[in-house]
Structure formats: C-alpha cells, structure tokens
Amino acid sequence: MPTTAPTAHALSDVTASDSTLRRFLHGLPGVDAVGLEARAASLGTRSIKTTAKAYAIDLAISMVDLTTLEGADTPGKVRALGAKAVHPDPTDRTTPTTAAVCVYPDMVAVAKEAVAGSGVKVASVATAFPAGRAALDVKLADVRDAVAAGADEIDMVIDRGAFLAGRYLKVYDEIVAVKEACGTSARLKVIFETGELSTYDNIRRASWLGMLAGADFIKTSTGKVAVNATPANTLLMLEAVRDFRAQTGTQVGVKPAGGIRTTKDAIKFLVLVNETAGEDWLDNHWFRFGASSLLNDLLMQRQKLATGRYSGPDYVTVD
C-alpha cells in the first residue's frame, strides 16, 4: 500500500500558512480502504503460542495505560488503581508494572503519590476532554494544572470541529501551544477521536498534522464514542509514524484506546506494530494501550500459562 508523502525538504515550510498546510495534507496519498482493512484482517490471523505468547502478554501488560475517567472517580479509587498498576498481580511479583495510570487533572497528585518510586507514569487527560469544546486559555490552564500536579504525560484532544471544517492551522497551533504548556517534563499524546473523523484519509491527515505540531504520541480515541481503536485505523497510524521517522528522523509513539478488552485483541495489535512500524516500536516508550478492562484478561491468561488453569475473573481485582 503506497504511503509515501511529499519529500522531507518541504516539511519545514508546510505550516507557514493555512493554505500551505492544507496543500500538504491533501497531497498525502489517498488511503485504499479495502487494502487497509484486508491487511489489518490478515495480520490479525497470525498465531502466537507458548513462549512467544508469554512474552507478548508481559509486553502488553507493560504497555497498558490503566485508566479511570469517570465523573464518580474518588481518591480511593485512584489509589487502588495506582496500587494495581504497580503490582498488577499481588500473588506474582514477576508480573510487569503497567506503563502508566491515566486520570483527570484533579486526581494527578493522588495518582502520583500512589505510584511513587515504581517507575509507573502518571498520565492526565486535558484540554476539555473528551469534547475539546473550550477556549484555548482554558485548555492550556487545564494542561498546566496537570503538569504542576506532577503529570508525566498529557493526553489532549484535538478540535475535531475545526479539523473537519478544514481549519488545519488552528488545530496545529493548538497542539503547538499545548506542547509548550507541557514544558520539558511531560510527553504529549494527541487524541484524534478517529470515530468522528469519518474517513481514513482524514485519519492520515490528522496523524501527520499531529506529528508536525510536535506530538510525542498520536492516539486514536477518547474511549467515549461508539467507534474507538480498530486494527485498521491503528495500522494506518503506524504507517504514518513509520513514514514520518523515515523522512524526519523523529520517532513518534502510537496509542490505540477504547474497545481493546482481551489478550487476543492486544496480541493482534502487537503483530500490527511489529509488521508495520517495526521492532523499535515494541516498547512502552513508543506504544501504549489505553484500557481499563484489558489488564484483567491479560492477567488471567498469564496465570493460565503459568498454572495450566484458567482462574477466572474472581481472581483479579475489579477496577
């Protein structure tokens, strides 16, 4: 599937104006939807067994952003989530920690205390998550509050209305401003809400727009809409980060979020990463799962491999 974008020497100038940015984004190759979905489906049939499966499960656990983003979140729930992130299976201390816990900005300090000394990151959604319908100064205040409270990572949402209206420079400028508000201490994940972008061409354009603006990660979804991460839209984003690094030398991470609930699903996504972007992305610094229920299934499958018995959901904590 051809994915070659305009040559690298043009990238420094493409954000000079709305017209140059539009010309660049609409100059990206169109996506062959049938080919994209067929390749994603084909890669999803790969069989991973025994020691390779055990390795994949541990790798997937280490890539989970264990998430709670509910209006009913309490400090106690966030502390429990942090404890689970640090010791996902208290009966087996060989179980990897998760990559991060992801919470609202007002819960960052609680989460930070809960995971202190463990290496688990604290991520926080910001910029008027999940709709992103707020003035820029409000969005930036949201980000600064989270960073001041100790967030290691910020998950922002783009203005989908502006993007779909073709106001690409507005979206670009917001990402740049949020990146600046993150300072040097927090990495930035840019959420596209792919289920609202309507077409694969728009997902490709959003991917390049986010990377040009300085995203450290590009992320599929908020998990709050009907269509979230799919193998096809994640494959498309993996192609984008691969091509972006080939042209600029800059590596950008990918985070599918929402709807990934089983070990089988997670392994399919890891196959996509390996076969599309390559081994350099098979690390939690460059690939994450945004999930809440996935971890429990990974733990149950891990226990089954170790003991030969399926323990069932009563043997893992309920998030």
Protein backbone atom coordinates (compact mmCIF):
# COMPACT_ATOMS: atom_id res chain seq x y z
CA MET A 1 0.00 0.00 0.00
CA PRO A 2 1.66 3.26 -1.08
CA THR A 3 2.16 5.67 1.79
CA THR A 4 4.95 7.92 0.53
CA ALA A 5 4.34 11.53 1.47
CA PRO A 6 5.84 14.70 -0.04
CA THR A 7 9.60 14.87 0.35
CA ALA A 8 11.26 15.84 3.62
CA HIS A 9 12.70 19.14 2.44
CA ALA A 10 9.20 20.60 2.21
CA LEU A 11 8.24 19.84 5.81
CA SER A 12 9.82 22.96 7.30
CA ASP A 13 7.58 25.18 5.20
CA VAL A 14 4.26 23.35 5.22
CA THR A 15 2.99 25.00 8.40
CA ALA A 16 3.69 28.54 7.25
CA SER A 17 0.04 29.20 6.44
CA ASP A 18 -3.35 27.55 6.30
CA SER A 19 -3.03 27.15 2.54
CA THR A 20 0.40 25.50 2.61
CA LEU A 21 -0.68 23.16 5.38
CA ARG A 22 -3.88 22.25 3.53
CA ARG A 23 -1.91 21.67 0.33
CA PHE A 24 0.46 19.34 2.15
CA LEU A 25 -2.20 17.36 3.99
CA HIS A 26 -4.37 16.96 0.91
CA GLY A 27 -1.28 15.97 -1.05
CA LEU A 28 -0.79 12.87 1.07
CA PRO A 29 -1.66 9.67 -0.82
CA GLY A 30 -5.27 8.62 -0.58
CA VAL A 31 -5.96 5.58 1.56
CA ASP A 32 -7.04 2.36 -0.13
CA ALA A 33 -9.71 1.42 2.43
CA VAL A 34 -10.20 -2.11 1.07
CA GLY A 35 -6.48 -2.79 1.07
CA LEU A 36 -6.00 -1.29 4.53
CA GLU A 37 -8.77 -3.35 6.10
CA ALA A 38 -7.67 -6.52 4.31
CA ARG A 39 -4.11 -6.17 5.56
CA ALA A 40 -5.26 -5.46 9.11
CA ALA A 41 -7.52 -8.52 9.00
CA SER A 42 -4.75 -10.69 7.56
CA LEU A 43 -2.25 -9.69 10.22
CA GLY A 44 -4.91 -10.41 12.84
CA THR A 45 -4.89 -14.09 11.90
CA ARG A 46 -1.27 -14.63 12.98
CA SER A 47 -1.00 -17.34 15.63
CA ILE A 48 1.20 -16.64 18.67
CA LYS A 49 1.80 -19.56 21.04
CA THR A 50 3.80 -20.82 24.06
CA THR A 51 6.89 -18.77 24.91
CA ALA A 52 6.09 -16.13 22.29
CA LYS A 53 2.62 -15.73 23.77
CA ALA A 54 4.04 -15.41 27.30
CA TYR A 55 6.42 -12.71 26.05
CA ALA A 56 3.60 -10.91 24.25
CA ILE A 57 1.38 -10.93 27.35
CA ASP A 58 4.09 -9.43 29.54
CA LEU A 59 4.88 -6.87 26.86
CA ALA A 60 1.21 -5.92 26.58
CA ILE A 61 0.90 -5.56 30.38
CA SER A 62 3.89 -3.21 30.35
CA MET A 63 2.18 -1.10 27.66
CA VAL A 64 -1.14 -0.55 29.43
CA ASP A 65 -2.19 2.95 30.45
CA LEU A 66 -4.51 1.81 33.24
CA THR A 67 -7.33 4.29 33.01
CA THR A 68 -10.21 5.68 35.02
CA LEU A 69 -12.01 8.69 33.56
CA GLU A 70 -15.37 8.83 35.26
CA GLY A 71 -17.21 11.61 37.00
CA ALA A 72 -17.54 9.33 40.03
CA ASP A 73 -13.77 8.84 40.44
CA THR A 74 -12.65 9.20 44.06
CA PRO A 75 -9.21 9.41 45.66
CA GLY A 76 -9.72 5.89 46.99
CA LYS A 77 -10.44 4.51 43.53
CA VAL A 78 -7.39 6.24 42.09
CA ARG A 79 -5.16 4.91 44.90
CA ALA A 80 -6.45 1.40 44.23
CA LEU A 81 -5.78 1.84 40.53
CA GLY A 82 -2.25 3.02 41.28
CA ALA A 83 -1.63 0.02 43.51
CA LYS A 84 -2.81 -2.27 40.74
CA ALA A 85 -0.57 -0.53 38.19
CA VAL A 86 2.45 -1.10 40.44
CA HIS A 87 1.57 -4.72 41.32
CA PRO A 88 -0.95 -5.97 38.75
CA ASP A 89 -0.89 -9.47 40.30
CA PRO A 90 -0.03 -9.25 44.01
CA THR A 91 0.44 -13.06 44.10
CA ASP A 92 3.17 -12.93 41.46
CA ARG A 93 5.75 -10.18 41.77
CA THR A 94 7.31 -11.17 38.43
CA THR A 95 4.34 -9.53 36.71
CA PRO A 96 5.46 -6.33 34.96
CA THR A 97 4.13 -2.97 36.10
CA THR A 98 1.86 -1.15 33.71
CA ALA A 99 3.21 1.81 31.77
CA ALA A 100 1.01 4.43 33.42
CA VAL A 101 -2.18 5.31 35.17
CA CYS A 102 -4.39 7.82 33.36
CA VAL A 103 -6.69 10.13 35.34
CA TYR A 104 -8.34 13.53 35.27
CA PRO A 105 -6.13 16.52 36.25
CA ASP A 106 -7.64 16.87 39.73
CA MET A 107 -6.57 13.29 40.53
CA VAL A 108 -2.97 13.60 39.33
CA ALA A 109 -1.48 14.33 42.77
CA VAL A 110 -3.30 11.33 44.27
CA ALA A 111 -2.10 9.06 41.46
CA LYS A 112 1.44 10.39 41.72
CA GLU A 113 1.60 9.51 45.39
CA ALA A 114 0.11 6.06 44.75
CA VAL A 115 2.79 5.07 42.21
CA ALA A 116 5.76 6.89 43.79
CA GLY A 117 9.08 5.12 43.30
CA SER A 118 7.67 2.47 40.97
CA GLY A 119 8.51 3.84 37.53
CA VAL A 120 4.81 3.87 36.60
CA LYS A 121 3.99 7.16 34.86
CA VAL A 122 1.01 9.36 35.60
CA ALA A 123 -0.89 10.47 32.53
CA SER A 124 -3.68 13.01 32.59
CA VAL A 125 -6.32 13.90 30.05
CA ALA A 126 -6.64 17.62 29.45
CA THR A 127 -7.85 20.31 27.03
CA ALA A 128 -11.52 19.93 27.98
CA PHE A 129 -11.51 16.15 27.49
CA PRO A 130 -13.36 14.44 25.84
CA ALA A 131 -15.14 17.00 23.63
CA GLY A 132 -12.38 19.61 23.49
CA ARG A 133 -15.00 22.37 23.36
CA ALA A 134 -13.35 25.16 25.30
CA ALA A 135 -11.34 28.30 24.70
CA LEU A 136 -7.60 27.84 24.25
CA ASP A 137 -6.73 29.63 27.50
CA VAL A 138 -8.99 27.22 29.39
CA LYS A 139 -7.35 24.24 27.68
CA LEU A 140 -3.87 25.49 28.49
CA ALA A 141 -4.81 26.11 32.12
CA ASP A 142 -6.06 22.51 32.25
CA VAL A 143 -2.68 21.30 30.97
CA ARG A 144 -0.62 23.50 33.29
CA ASP A 145 -2.62 22.36 36.32
CA ALA A 146 -1.99 18.72 35.47
CA VAL A 147 1.73 19.27 34.87
CA ALA A 148 2.07 21.29 38.08
CA ALA A 149 0.45 18.42 39.99
CA GLY A 150 3.08 16.05 38.64
CA ALA A 151 1.71 14.58 35.40
CA ASP A 152 4.39 12.84 33.34
CA GLU A 153 2.18 12.70 30.25
CA ILE A 154 -0.68 14.78 28.88
CA ASP A 155 -3.39 13.28 26.65
CA MET A 156 -5.02 16.15 24.73
CA VAL A 157 -7.97 16.09 22.33
CA ILE A 158 -7.91 17.98 19.05
CA ASP A 159 -10.69 20.34 17.99
CA ARG A 160 -12.48 17.94 15.65
CA GLY A 161 -14.88 20.65 14.52
CA ALA A 162 -12.01 22.82 13.34
CA PHE A 163 -10.29 19.88 11.69
CA LEU A 164 -13.41 18.75 9.81
CA ALA A 165 -14.02 22.34 8.70
CA GLY A 166 -10.54 22.37 7.16
CA ARG A 167 -9.10 24.82 9.70
CA TYR A 168 -5.92 22.82 9.96
CA LEU A 169 -3.67 25.66 11.10
CA LYS A 170 -5.95 26.31 14.09
CA VAL A 171 -5.61 22.67 15.13
CA TYR A 172 -1.85 22.80 14.53
CA ASP A 173 -1.42 25.98 16.58
CA GLU A 174 -3.41 24.49 19.50
CA ILE A 175 -1.21 21.39 19.56
CA VAL A 176 1.92 23.55 19.48
CA ALA A 177 0.59 25.65 22.37
CA VAL A 178 -0.30 22.58 24.43
CA LYS A 179 3.12 21.09 23.73
CA GLU A 180 4.70 24.27 25.05
CA ALA A 181 2.48 24.14 28.15
CA CYS A 182 3.74 20.61 28.81
CA GLY A 183 7.22 22.06 29.27
CA THR A 184 10.16 19.69 29.32
CA SER A 185 8.75 17.32 31.92
CA ALA A 186 5.64 15.89 30.24
CA ARG A 187 5.22 14.00 26.98
CA LEU A 188 2.23 14.88 24.82
CA LYS A 189 -0.27 12.39 23.38
CA VAL A 190 -2.61 13.87 20.77
CA ILE A 191 -6.06 12.25 20.54
CA PHE A 192 -7.84 12.41 17.17
CA GLU A 193 -11.13 10.70 18.06
CA THR A 194 -10.87 8.66 14.86
CA GLY A 195 -14.51 7.57 15.10
CA GLU A 196 -15.53 11.20 14.44
CA LEU A 197 -13.11 11.85 11.57
CA SER A 198 -15.30 9.88 9.11
CA THR A 199 -12.64 8.77 6.62
CA TYR A 200 -9.27 7.04 6.58
CA ASP A 201 -7.89 9.96 4.57
CA ASN A 202 -8.77 12.26 7.47
CA ILE A 203 -7.05 9.92 9.94
CA ARG A 204 -3.89 10.02 7.83
CA ARG A 205 -4.06 13.81 7.63
CA ALA A 206 -4.64 14.14 11.37
CA SER A 207 -1.69 11.84 12.05
CA TRP A 208 0.68 13.99 10.01
CA LEU A 209 -0.78 17.19 11.43
CA GLY A 210 -0.22 15.98 14.99
CA MET A 211 3.33 14.88 14.28
CA LEU A 212 4.23 18.12 12.50
CA ALA A 213 2.98 20.01 15.58
CA GLY A 214 5.26 18.08 17.92
CA ALA A 215 3.17 15.21 19.30
CA ASP A 216 5.17 12.61 21.20
CA PHE A 217 2.31 10.13 20.64
CA ILE A 218 -0.66 10.02 18.33
CA LYS A 219 -3.72 8.38 19.89
CA THR A 220 -6.86 7.01 18.28
CA SER A 221 -9.64 7.83 20.69
CA THR A 222 -11.03 9.01 23.98
CA GLY A 223 -12.92 5.77 24.57
CA LYS A 224 -16.07 7.86 24.94
CA VAL A 225 -17.60 7.36 21.47
CA ALA A 226 -19.11 4.40 19.61
CA VAL A 227 -16.09 3.66 17.38
CA ASN A 228 -12.69 3.77 19.05
CA ALA A 229 -9.47 1.89 18.25
CA THR A 230 -9.69 -0.61 15.40
CA PRO A 231 -6.94 -2.67 13.77
CA ALA A 232 -7.39 -0.70 10.53
CA ASN A 233 -7.17 2.80 11.98
CA THR A 234 -4.22 1.78 14.17
CA LEU A 235 -2.45 0.23 11.18
CA LEU A 236 -2.90 3.49 9.30
CA MET A 237 -1.40 5.48 12.18
CA LEU A 238 1.51 3.04 12.44
CA GLU A 239 2.22 3.59 8.75
CA ALA A 240 2.20 7.32 9.40
CA VAL A 241 4.73 7.22 12.25
CA ARG A 242 6.95 4.87 10.24
CA ASP A 243 6.91 7.23 7.25
CA PHE A 244 7.36 10.31 9.43
CA ARG A 245 10.51 8.87 11.00
CA ALA A 246 11.83 7.88 7.58
CA GLN A 247 11.50 11.49 6.41
CA THR A 248 12.40 13.44 9.54
CA GLY A 249 14.37 11.09 11.80
CA THR A 250 11.86 11.75 14.60
CA GLN A 251 10.12 8.79 16.20
CA VAL A 252 6.54 9.24 17.44
CA GLY A 253 4.55 6.77 19.53
CA VAL A 254 1.09 5.33 18.89
CA LYS A 255 -1.68 4.69 21.41
CA PRO A 256 -4.87 2.85 20.44
CA ALA A 257 -7.54 3.39 23.08
CA GLY A 258 -11.06 2.16 23.66
CA GLY A 259 -12.53 -1.23 22.86
CA ILE A 260 -9.38 -3.34 23.36
CA ARG A 261 -10.53 -5.77 26.05
CA THR A 262 -8.94 -9.20 25.51
CA THR A 263 -5.48 -10.70 25.31
CA LYS A 264 -6.29 -11.89 21.80
CA ASP A 265 -7.07 -8.30 20.78
CA ALA A 266 -3.87 -6.96 22.36
CA ILE A 267 -1.69 -9.53 20.60
CA LYS A 268 -3.27 -8.64 17.26
CA PHE A 269 -2.24 -5.04 17.83
CA LEU A 270 1.31 -6.08 18.75
CA VAL A 271 1.54 -8.00 15.48
CA LEU A 272 0.43 -4.85 13.66
CA VAL A 273 3.19 -2.89 15.37
CA ASN A 274 5.89 -5.42 14.56
CA GLU A 275 4.88 -5.91 10.94
CA THR A 276 4.18 -2.25 10.13
CA ALA A 277 6.37 0.09 12.19
CA GLY A 278 8.90 -2.49 13.32
CA GLU A 279 10.60 -3.66 16.49
CA ASP A 280 11.65 -0.16 17.51
CA TRP A 281 8.03 0.50 18.49
CA LEU A 282 7.68 -2.70 20.56
CA ASP A 283 8.39 -0.84 23.78
CA ASN A 284 6.12 1.09 26.12
CA HIS A 285 8.04 4.28 25.37
CA TRP A 286 6.55 4.12 21.86
CA PHE A 287 3.38 2.05 22.06
CA ARG A 288 0.57 2.02 24.62
CA PHE A 289 -2.87 0.56 25.13
CA GLY A 290 -5.46 2.90 26.58
CA ALA A 291 -7.56 0.47 28.58
CA SER A 292 -9.34 -0.31 31.81
CA SER A 293 -10.59 -3.91 31.44
CA LEU A 294 -7.76 -5.27 29.22
CA LEU A 295 -5.35 -5.74 32.12
CA ASN A 296 -7.60 -8.25 33.88
CA ASP A 297 -7.79 -10.51 30.84
CA LEU A 298 -4.02 -10.30 30.35
CA LEU A 299 -3.53 -11.35 33.98
CA MET A 300 -5.94 -14.27 33.67
CA GLN A 301 -4.20 -15.51 30.51
CA ARG A 302 -0.82 -15.08 32.18
CA GLN A 303 -1.99 -17.19 35.14
CA LYS A 304 -3.29 -19.86 32.78
CA LEU A 305 0.07 -20.12 31.03
CA ALA A 306 1.83 -20.41 34.39
CA THR A 307 -0.52 -22.92 36.07
CA GLY A 308 -2.40 -24.61 33.23
CA ARG A 309 -5.67 -23.49 34.82
CA TYR A 310 -7.94 -20.60 33.94
CA SER A 311 -8.51 -18.72 37.17
CA GLY A 312 -11.49 -16.63 36.08
CA PRO A 313 -12.46 -13.03 36.87
CA ASP A 314 -12.98 -13.66 40.59
CA TYR A 315 -9.20 -13.90 40.98
CA VAL A 316 -8.40 -10.41 39.73
CA THR A 317 -9.44 -7.08 41.15
CA VAL A 318 -12.40 -5.23 39.69
CA ASP A 319 -11.39 -1.75 38.52
